[in-house]
Amino acid sequence: MRIGKKVTVGALALVTVVTLAACSKQSSATNTTQKTWSRMEKDVISTMDPALITDSISGQAAADTTEGLYRYYGNELKPGLAKTLAKPAHNGTVYTFKLRQAQWSNGDPVTANDFVYAWRRTVDPATKSQYAYLYSGIKNADAIQAGKAKAATLGVKALDKYTFQVTLEQAIPYFDKMMVSNAFYPVDPKVVAKAGKKFGSQSQYIVANGPYKLTKWNGTGNSWVEVKNPKYWNAKAVKIDKINVQVVKDATTAMNLYEAGKLDDALLDGDQAAQAQSNKDYKGLRQASVSYLNFNTKRIPAFNNVKIRRAVSMSLNRPQFVKKVLDDGSIAASNLTSEGLAKDPSNGKDFTKEISQDATHYTTYHPAEAKKLWQEGLKETGVNGMNVTLLCDDTSAAKHSAEYLQSALESNLPGFKLTINSVPFKSRLAKSQAGDYDMTTTGWGADFPDPITFLDLFAPGGAGASYTRNWHSDAYNKLITASKTTDADNAEKRWQDLVQAQELLTKEVGTVPLYQAVQSHLINKKIQGLSYGPNNMYNFIGATLK
């Protein structure tokens, strides 16, 4: 779901609820007079503007402080601001949501018009939302994004103060699942108007309608605090009064803070992750997120050559990489789409298991074949070698991963020189989106449990359109389009469209999948009822501290 997730907060393919009943013997970061939870992120919040969020760190903060139409409780989709899960009418093209009477933290009512305003704002090209592509299929959304229609023509309207209606151009099988995305959150128009360009940039320029309010966030700082929002419609279900969040980039520091009782949830990697697995507080969480290597063919034209892309992919020993470098339980990835995300509607088989071996051959370690393809590719492109800079984050895990890639590529591909450029997360995002890179390590986590959330990355107008700058295939585009239009109402045909699209992406090495993350956590056993959803987010509603 989110660039750079790169991977910081993840999703589970199966319901995961942390229910750790016994008390930890460690000194706890939990205050005895106020129910306080202390957790970490690996980098800073980039923005709190729902239309502009692309990363999981900001996404988690938004999920904690904002209520959309629906919310995941584990894998169960439940009403949020909507009173019930809406049943579509008119052949699946009209959704009518009856809203609860709720308030923003400033006392303003949350109304149907807040959704109308927010959705029009997100889809408006002037907003430059990278998630506007999710609106495709809503009436006039594509025309608006193409500059052929005004945002006011989007197929949304407020039937009355608390009734919000959406009209689609055709049925969207996963429409209800998308409603948990921050791209579909409401905003308070008064706050946006008053803040102007500063909206979403600091605590003082946002309001909350969710379980928590964001405080002590100055837009760049390495810590922030989420405090219980008394105006939240379901405030009685919020049992944790305060969540302290601090940025910890180094796993050794994270472990030390946990052992000192200054963190209740520490995210580890590398040696610390391996060491922690024998700890009684250890929790390994498999996520619906995949880290991968992206090419910039505009910067390095040689990457347009499929043999060179395949040579890069086949030079990487993924099982060795996840064991020797990551050592946190992560899974070698053969495809962009994560395992355990979705099942074939006809036989229940996992999506990734239906990708042919002819395709995954090119994401398997074959150094001799890689060298042969590399030499053929160089000859075809008329170059003798390649000097490439790899853009990555400046966390310890990202640096170790980059060093492995450097060693593997330089040792297996004669004449390949890789220089590492490690930068802070926000800088890496900005550079990626601007196309200021040769190759970059990045990642994506599912926004909802359907393969299209990954495959849309490489479709025109998809989430990756502004930063992938690499592989293009008319055949791939046709398959993605068919899955959303002519085959949208036929579950089996749509499934086959997506399988064929993934096979094509894998076989052509449009990107180089590296691993599916398993996050290694040390979690204070005082917490019960903390759940994850397939949208890659924690849900603290109902969680308690004992």
Foldseek 3Di string as FASTA:
>chain_A
DAKCCCPWFFFFLFWDFFAQADFDPFAAQADPVAGEAEAETQFDQQFCLLLAGRHVVSQQVNLQFFWFQWDDQRADIAGTQFPGQFDADDQQFKTKGFGDFFAWLVGHTDWLVLQLVLLLCSLAVVNVGLALLVLPQWPCSVCRNVVNDHSNRTQWDHPDGGMIMTGGPHHFPCVSLLRSRSSRTGADVVLCVVCPPCAGQFQVSGIGQHQWRWAPGRNHDFKTKTAGRPRHPPNVLQAHGMYIYGHDQEQVVQVVCVNNNNHQKGWHWDPSLQVCVVPPLKDWAFGFKFKFKFAACVVPVLLQQLLLLLLLQQLDAQVCCCCHQGVNPWFFDLFQGGWSLDAQPVPRHTLVVPQDPLLSVSNHHDLVSSQVSLVVSCVVVVHDADEFEEEEAPGPSGVSSVVSSQVSCCVRHPRYHYHYDHYHPSVSVVCQLQQVGRMYIIMDAAQGRDRCSRLQLQEVSHSVNRGRNFDDDPLLNVLSVCLRPVCVVPSNSSSVSSSVSRSVCSNSCNIRTRTRGIIIMRHRSQKGGWIRYSSSYIDSRNIHGD
